[in-house]
Amino acid sequence: MKQVTSLYRISFFKRILLLCIIAAITLVSMAVSIKSFVENNPPKNRDYSIYLYGETHGDKKIIEKELELWHDFYHNHGMRHLFI
């Protein structure tokens, strides 16, 4: 009976080791791909500020100004997370 138990423990240890190796490989590959993505897409503006415009919703004049500002931030400053 001890032989079966010891074989089960070795098998269990190998399973845990295999899962740890797979997890490590996955984490390393994710880290490399994220690093590559960030290096190939650097932000042009590292200000990381939040800009809020307009108090009234649906005002054509404010919407036009927001679109003008959005266009400038997107195309000239590299800001990509913009909402209207």
Foldseek 3Di string as FASTA:
>chain_A
DVVVVVVVVVVVVVVVVVVVVVVVVVVVVVVVVVVVVCVVQPFQAPPPDDDDFDDDPPDPVRVVVLVVVVCCCVPPGVDDPDDD
